[in-house]
Every structure is written in structure tokens, then in C-alpha cells.
Amino acid sequence: MAIVSATEMVNKAHEGRYAIPAFNTNNLEWTQCILKAVQETRTPVMIQTSEGAAKYMGGYKTVVDMVNDLIDSMGITVPVALHLDHGTYEGAKACIEAGYSSVMFDGSHYSIEENIEKSKEIIALAHAKGVSVECEVGGIGGTEDGVTSNGELADPAECKAVADLGVDFLAAGIGNIHGKYPENWAGLNFERLEEIKEAIGGKPMVLHGGSGIPFEQTSKAVSLGVSKININTELQLVFADATRKYIEAGKDLAGKGYDPRKLLKPGCDAIIAKAKELCEAFGAAGKA
């Protein structure tokens, strides 16, 4: 089974009132762990890369080949989309050509006029090749690939203007933040989410910065039309914690505990466990 467009899985999630987990991958092991978790839970999934992570792994084509080969060699039967997260205009075009099945064009840092114009071009290029498209209105808090935002509340009218271009799903700032959430975080702004939902006519929405948001808030967001939830930091934290404990216990010094296959295993096991937990929490487990 090859990678598929995300449109069908996200639309089904929207109709069924659950959310597709969109896990960022950072390397081979990360991808294997995500695939293992979703296969065991029968969950449709979007595997994402930032432009920086794709470069770290050897480039977009390397990522496409890696994901397709792992789907084949691991016998993965659940739907898997390969998505570019927070893509630039040029990055989105490059991923469409390289074989990604879904791309995000993040034009939120442009004026709304330029965001609309560039979004329209990316949507046309992507749809001509059967690739799904996500666009963004209103910056998401925190830092992503060097772009920092304080977490804006997107303008519903601007959201409608971008949604009307034919985007498959829309990311909109509702007070969400990339990375760790501070203790004084005000939470998601559900009033603004409802306003955006009405403005865009019920089109599927995306929640960025999903790591660490209380499940009662993600559940409410899903009930209001969020059909894709992005996760990166949460998997990084459990991986780092498990790896740290392995090393602090001196297990890397016992026998061949330094072998990467042994050194990385506790972190990988932690990723699998957390990914499975999130598949269940988002209501997507068993939907493949």
C-alpha cells in the first residue's frame, strides 16, 4: 500500500467527529514507531515532516522513499498520508514534485492578500496531482522552523477567504502554541473556533500544537470541527525521557548496551506507547 492523499481520511474524520493524528517524524526509527503504533491500533495517520526535518533526513525524495518502503516492508495496511508541515511556498512546490501526498502551505506571515494569492497557486498545483492541501490563517504560537508567533486568533473573514479557494483543510490560530505550553497558558479560544467554523461552512480544521493540550480541550475542539491534530513535541519528550533513564542507569555501559539498536529501544518503545494513547484519545483508533 502506497501513501495516499489525506483528503478522504480527514473528511471521514470530520463526518465521524474524531481527529486524524498527524505525527511529525524526525528519522527512520521515528517513522517505524509511528507506523507500528497506527497499525496495531488500526488508525489512519498522517506522517509529517517540517522542511528542516526533511533536510536532516536527506531531502524530500529520501523521505518519500523511506515512508513508502517502510509501508511495504512492515506490511502496513492502514491509510498513511505523507504531509509537509508548515511549508514555504517553494517547499510546498518541491514536495508536490517529490511525491508527498499532502502539503501545508503556511502563508500566515504574509498579508492576507498575498496569502490568498500564493495559497491559490499551491492548491491548483497540488490538486492537479491528487495531493491534498492545508493552508493557515493566523500564526500559531511558539517557534516552528525558525518562524515565531505569539499565537494569534485568526480572523473568521480571512479564514473564509482562504477556505473558499478550495483548500482541503484549514489551520487557524485559536490560541494554540508549538512546543511546551507555559503554566499561564489561557487555553484554546472556543468562541473564536466556533466563529471560524461558521464562517468556513463546516470545512475540516486543523489543530496545531496538539502536544500537551488537555484531552478535554482537544475533545471539545473535535466536536467543533477539528479533524486533524498535530503532534511533535510530545513524542520528542517521551523519547528523550526514556533515553535519559537508560543512560543514567548505566545500561549503555553494560555489554553492548551502546549498540544503537539497544540504546534507542527504550525511547522508541515510549514513542509507540504515546502514539497509541493519542490515537485512542483522538477517537481515530479502529477507524482504518
Protein backbone atom coordinates (compact mmCIF):
# COMPACT_ATOMS: atom_id res chain seq x y z
CA MET A 1 0.00 0.00 0.00
CA ALA A 2 1.47 3.35 -1.07
CA ILE A 3 0.96 6.69 0.62
CA VAL A 4 -2.44 8.25 -0.02
CA SER A 5 -3.93 11.73 -0.15
CA ALA A 6 -5.16 12.92 3.23
CA THR A 7 -8.43 14.33 1.91
CA GLU A 8 -10.52 11.17 2.26
CA MET A 9 -9.27 10.28 5.74
CA VAL A 10 -9.75 13.83 7.04
CA ASN A 11 -13.25 14.08 5.55
CA LYS A 12 -14.21 10.77 7.16
CA ALA A 13 -12.86 12.01 10.49
CA HIS A 14 -14.85 15.21 10.10
CA GLU A 15 -18.05 13.29 9.42
CA GLY A 16 -17.35 10.83 12.25
CA ARG A 17 -16.32 13.52 14.77
CA TYR A 18 -12.86 12.22 15.50
CA ALA A 19 -9.42 13.57 14.57
CA ILE A 20 -6.64 12.12 12.43
CA PRO A 21 -3.36 12.05 14.40
CA ALA A 22 -0.67 13.87 12.42
CA PHE A 23 2.68 12.81 13.87
CA ASN A 24 5.88 14.59 12.87
CA THR A 25 8.75 12.25 12.10
CA ASN A 26 12.41 13.03 12.59
CA ASN A 27 14.22 9.90 11.37
CA LEU A 28 13.88 6.25 10.35
CA GLU A 29 13.19 4.96 13.86
CA TRP A 30 10.56 7.64 14.47
CA THR A 31 8.75 6.62 11.29
CA GLN A 32 8.87 2.93 12.17
CA CYS A 33 7.43 3.65 15.62
CA ILE A 34 4.56 5.72 14.25
CA LEU A 35 3.70 3.05 11.68
CA LYS A 36 3.83 0.30 14.28
CA ALA A 37 1.52 2.23 16.60
CA VAL A 38 -1.10 3.03 13.98
CA GLN A 39 -1.07 -0.49 12.53
CA GLU A 40 -1.64 -2.01 15.97
CA THR A 41 -4.48 0.42 16.73
CA ARG A 42 -5.95 0.33 13.19
CA THR A 43 -5.64 4.11 12.88
CA PRO A 44 -5.45 6.17 9.67
CA VAL A 45 -2.48 8.51 10.03
CA MET A 46 -0.68 11.49 8.59
CA ILE A 47 3.11 11.33 8.92
CA GLN A 48 4.53 14.83 8.71
CA THR A 49 7.90 16.44 8.20
CA SER A 50 8.90 20.02 8.65
CA GLU A 51 11.22 21.34 5.95
CA GLY A 52 14.07 21.25 8.47
CA ALA A 53 13.43 17.63 9.45
CA ALA A 54 13.22 16.57 5.81
CA LYS A 55 16.57 18.24 5.13
CA TYR A 56 18.05 16.48 8.18
CA MET A 57 16.86 13.12 6.81
CA GLY A 58 18.41 13.70 3.40
CA GLY A 59 15.75 15.58 1.47
CA TYR A 60 12.13 15.23 0.40
CA LYS A 61 12.71 12.35 -2.03
CA THR A 62 14.55 10.38 0.65
CA VAL A 63 11.59 10.82 2.99
CA VAL A 64 9.09 9.74 0.31
CA ASP A 65 11.12 6.62 -0.48
CA MET A 66 11.64 5.81 3.21
CA VAL A 67 7.94 6.03 4.08
CA ASN A 68 6.84 4.05 1.02
CA ASP A 69 9.47 1.37 1.63
CA LEU A 70 8.55 1.02 5.31
CA ILE A 71 4.85 0.74 4.47
CA ASP A 72 5.77 -2.13 2.15
CA SER A 73 8.37 -3.89 4.31
CA MET A 74 6.31 -3.59 7.52
CA GLY A 75 3.12 -4.78 5.85
CA ILE A 76 1.20 -1.64 6.78
CA THR A 77 -2.44 -1.84 5.74
CA VAL A 78 -3.89 1.32 7.33
CA PRO A 79 -4.10 4.52 5.22
CA VAL A 80 -0.94 6.62 5.51
CA ALA A 81 -0.55 10.15 4.12
CA LEU A 82 2.83 11.88 3.92
CA HIS A 83 2.40 15.58 4.70
CA LEU A 84 4.62 18.66 4.66
CA ASP A 85 4.11 20.65 7.86
CA HIS A 86 4.38 24.47 7.76
CA GLY A 87 5.68 24.51 4.22
CA THR A 88 7.00 27.58 2.50
CA TYR A 89 5.77 28.41 -0.99
CA GLU A 90 8.87 26.84 -2.59
CA GLY A 91 8.92 23.95 -0.12
CA ALA A 92 5.31 23.03 -0.85
CA LYS A 93 6.00 23.03 -4.59
CA ALA A 94 9.09 20.86 -4.10
CA CYS A 95 7.17 18.32 -2.01
CA ILE A 96 4.38 18.10 -4.58
CA GLU A 97 7.02 17.21 -7.17
CA ALA A 98 8.89 14.83 -4.85
CA GLY A 99 5.84 12.66 -4.16
CA TYR A 100 4.36 13.86 -0.88
CA SER A 101 0.65 13.06 -0.84
CA SER A 102 -0.31 16.16 1.17
CA VAL A 103 1.23 19.57 1.77
CA MET A 104 0.69 22.53 4.02
CA PHE A 105 1.39 25.99 2.69
CA ASP A 106 1.81 28.34 5.62
CA GLY A 107 1.25 31.85 4.32
CA SER A 108 0.12 33.21 7.68
CA HIS A 109 3.11 35.57 7.90
CA TYR A 110 2.13 37.27 4.61
CA SER A 111 -0.58 39.87 4.18
CA ILE A 112 -3.96 38.19 3.69
CA GLU A 113 -3.90 39.24 0.03
CA GLU A 114 -0.55 37.55 -0.61
CA ASN A 115 -1.55 34.55 1.48
CA ILE A 116 -4.64 34.11 -0.70
CA GLU A 117 -2.72 34.51 -3.95
CA LYS A 118 0.01 32.02 -3.02
CA SER A 119 -2.47 29.58 -1.47
CA LYS A 120 -4.49 29.61 -4.69
CA GLU A 121 -1.40 28.69 -6.72
CA ILE A 122 -0.37 25.86 -4.38
CA ILE A 123 -3.91 24.44 -4.31
CA ALA A 124 -4.03 24.38 -8.12
CA LEU A 125 -0.61 22.69 -8.41
CA ALA A 126 -1.40 20.13 -5.71
CA HIS A 127 -4.90 19.21 -6.82
CA ALA A 128 -3.67 18.67 -10.37
CA LYS A 129 -1.57 15.82 -8.96
CA GLY A 130 -4.13 14.49 -6.48
CA VAL A 131 -2.29 15.99 -3.50
CA SER A 132 -4.27 17.36 -0.56
CA VAL A 133 -3.63 20.88 0.75
CA GLU A 134 -3.72 22.58 4.14
CA CYS A 135 -3.37 26.34 4.48
CA GLU A 136 -3.06 28.57 7.55
CA VAL A 137 -4.61 31.81 8.72
CA GLY A 138 -3.38 33.43 11.93
CA GLY A 139 0.01 32.44 13.34
CA ILE A 140 0.35 29.53 15.75
CA GLY A 141 2.19 30.34 18.98
CA GLY A 142 5.80 29.32 19.64
CA THR A 143 8.54 28.63 17.12
CA GLU A 144 8.39 26.28 14.12
CA ASP A 145 11.40 26.04 11.80
CA GLY A 146 12.61 29.45 12.91
CA VAL A 147 9.24 31.20 12.48
CA THR A 148 7.98 32.60 15.80
CA SER A 149 4.44 33.66 16.60
CA ASN A 150 2.68 34.63 19.81
CA GLY A 151 -0.41 32.61 18.96
CA GLU A 152 -2.86 34.86 17.15
CA LEU A 153 -6.60 34.48 16.94
CA ALA A 154 -7.39 34.08 13.25
CA ASP A 155 -9.90 36.42 11.62
CA PRO A 156 -13.02 34.41 10.59
CA ALA A 157 -13.48 36.51 7.45
CA GLU A 158 -9.88 35.83 6.38
CA CYS A 159 -10.41 32.12 7.14
CA LYS A 160 -13.43 32.12 4.83
CA ALA A 161 -11.45 33.81 2.06
CA VAL A 162 -8.79 31.07 2.16
CA ALA A 163 -11.29 28.23 2.67
CA ASP A 164 -13.24 29.38 -0.39
CA LEU A 165 -10.15 28.76 -2.55
CA GLY A 166 -10.84 25.03 -2.26
CA VAL A 167 -8.33 24.14 0.45
CA ASP A 168 -8.94 20.62 1.82
CA PHE A 169 -8.47 21.53 5.49
CA LEU A 170 -7.66 24.78 7.26
CA ALA A 171 -5.31 25.61 10.13
CA ALA A 172 -6.36 28.66 12.11
CA GLY A 173 -4.85 30.27 15.17
CA ILE A 174 -7.12 29.83 18.23
CA GLY A 175 -4.55 30.45 20.98
CA ASN A 176 -2.61 27.22 20.36
CA ILE A 177 1.18 27.09 20.73
CA HIS A 178 4.04 25.00 19.33
CA GLY A 179 6.30 23.32 21.86
CA LYS A 180 5.70 23.15 25.62
CA TYR A 181 2.70 25.04 26.95
CA PRO A 182 3.52 27.56 29.70
CA GLU A 183 1.79 27.27 33.08
CA ASN A 184 -0.12 30.51 32.47
CA TRP A 185 -1.48 29.41 29.06
CA ALA A 186 -5.05 30.67 28.68
CA GLY A 187 -6.27 27.59 26.79
CA LEU A 188 -7.94 27.27 23.41
CA ASN A 189 -10.36 30.02 22.42
CA PHE A 190 -13.51 28.04 21.62
CA GLU A 191 -15.56 31.14 20.92
CA ARG A 192 -13.21 32.03 18.06
CA LEU A 193 -13.18 28.39 16.90
CA GLU A 194 -16.98 28.42 16.64
CA GLU A 195 -16.89 31.70 14.71
CA ILE A 196 -14.37 30.24 12.25
CA LYS A 197 -16.40 27.04 11.90
CA GLU A 198 -19.47 29.07 10.92
CA ALA A 199 -17.51 31.29 8.56
CA ILE A 200 -15.94 28.42 6.58
CA GLY A 201 -19.13 26.41 6.30
CA GLY A 202 -18.04 23.37 8.26
CA LYS A 203 -14.82 22.65 6.35
CA PRO A 204 -12.39 20.40 8.32
CA MET A 205 -9.98 22.28 10.57
CA VAL A 206 -6.51 21.50 11.93
CA LEU A 207 -5.24 21.96 15.47
CA HIS A 208 -1.52 22.73 15.54
CA GLY A 209 0.49 22.49 18.74
CA GLY A 210 -1.50 19.46 19.89
CA SER A 211 1.21 18.28 22.29
CA GLY A 212 0.18 18.83 25.89
CA ILE A 213 -3.30 20.25 25.30
CA PRO A 214 -5.64 18.64 27.89
CA PHE A 215 -7.77 15.93 26.33
CA GLU A 216 -10.99 17.65 27.38
CA GLN A 217 -9.94 20.63 25.25
CA THR A 218 -8.93 18.55 22.23
CA SER A 219 -12.23 16.65 22.52
CA LYS A 220 -14.20 19.88 22.52
CA ALA A 221 -12.18 21.15 19.55
CA VAL A 222 -13.00 17.96 17.64
CA SER A 223 -16.70 18.44 18.41
CA LEU A 224 -16.41 21.89 16.80
CA GLY A 225 -14.88 20.68 13.55
CA VAL A 226 -11.18 19.99 14.19
CA SER A 227 -10.39 16.83 12.22
CA LYS A 228 -6.56 16.73 12.31
CA ILE A 229 -4.35 17.21 15.36
CA ASN A 230 -0.59 17.77 15.03
CA ILE A 231 1.82 16.09 17.45
CA ASN A 232 5.60 16.52 17.59
CA THR A 233 6.87 17.79 20.95
CA GLU A 234 5.02 15.12 22.95
CA LEU A 235 6.81 12.28 21.16
CA GLN A 236 10.15 14.07 21.43
CA LEU A 237 9.72 14.47 25.19
CA VAL A 238 8.86 10.83 25.91
CA PHE A 239 11.72 9.67 23.67
CA ALA A 240 14.21 11.92 25.46
CA ASP A 241 12.96 10.91 28.89
CA ALA A 242 13.21 7.16 28.22
CA THR A 243 16.66 7.53 26.62
CA ARG A 244 17.90 9.63 29.54
CA LYS A 245 16.77 6.99 32.06
CA TYR A 246 18.52 4.23 30.08
CA ILE A 247 21.81 6.14 30.09
CA GLU A 248 21.54 7.35 33.68
CA ALA A 249 21.01 3.74 34.75
CA GLY A 250 24.32 2.89 33.06
CA LYS A 251 22.69 0.40 30.70
CA ASP A 252 24.68 1.75 27.77
CA LEU A 253 27.85 0.64 29.56
CA ALA A 254 26.68 -2.95 30.18
CA GLY A 255 27.61 -5.44 27.49
CA LYS A 256 26.76 -3.95 24.11
CA GLY A 257 24.24 -1.52 25.55
CA TYR A 258 25.85 1.18 23.45
CA ASP A 259 24.61 -0.51 20.24
CA PRO A 260 22.14 1.98 18.68
CA ARG A 261 19.54 -0.77 18.37
CA LYS A 262 19.62 -1.17 22.16
CA LEU A 263 20.32 2.44 23.04
CA LEU A 264 17.34 3.75 21.08
CA LYS A 265 14.88 0.99 22.00
CA PRO A 266 13.51 2.48 25.26
CA GLY A 267 12.84 5.78 23.51
CA CYS A 268 11.23 4.01 20.56
CA ASP A 269 9.02 1.96 22.89
CA ALA A 270 7.97 5.20 24.57
CA ILE A 271 7.04 6.76 21.21
CA ILE A 272 4.93 3.74 20.29
CA ALA A 273 3.09 3.78 23.64
CA LYS A 274 2.39 7.53 23.49
CA ALA A 275 1.29 7.40 19.84
CA LYS A 276 -1.14 4.58 20.61
CA GLU A 277 -2.51 6.55 23.56
CA LEU A 278 -3.11 9.59 21.35
CA CYS A 279 -4.76 7.52 18.59
CA GLU A 280 -7.27 6.36 21.21
CA ALA A 281 -7.68 9.82 22.75
CA PHE A 282 -8.45 11.45 19.38
CA GLY A 283 -11.07 8.78 18.63
CA ALA A 284 -9.25 7.59 15.50
CA ALA A 285 -8.26 4.10 16.72
CA GLY A 286 -10.16 1.38 14.90
CA LYS A 287 -11.23 3.72 12.09
CA ALA A 288 -8.88 2.28 9.42
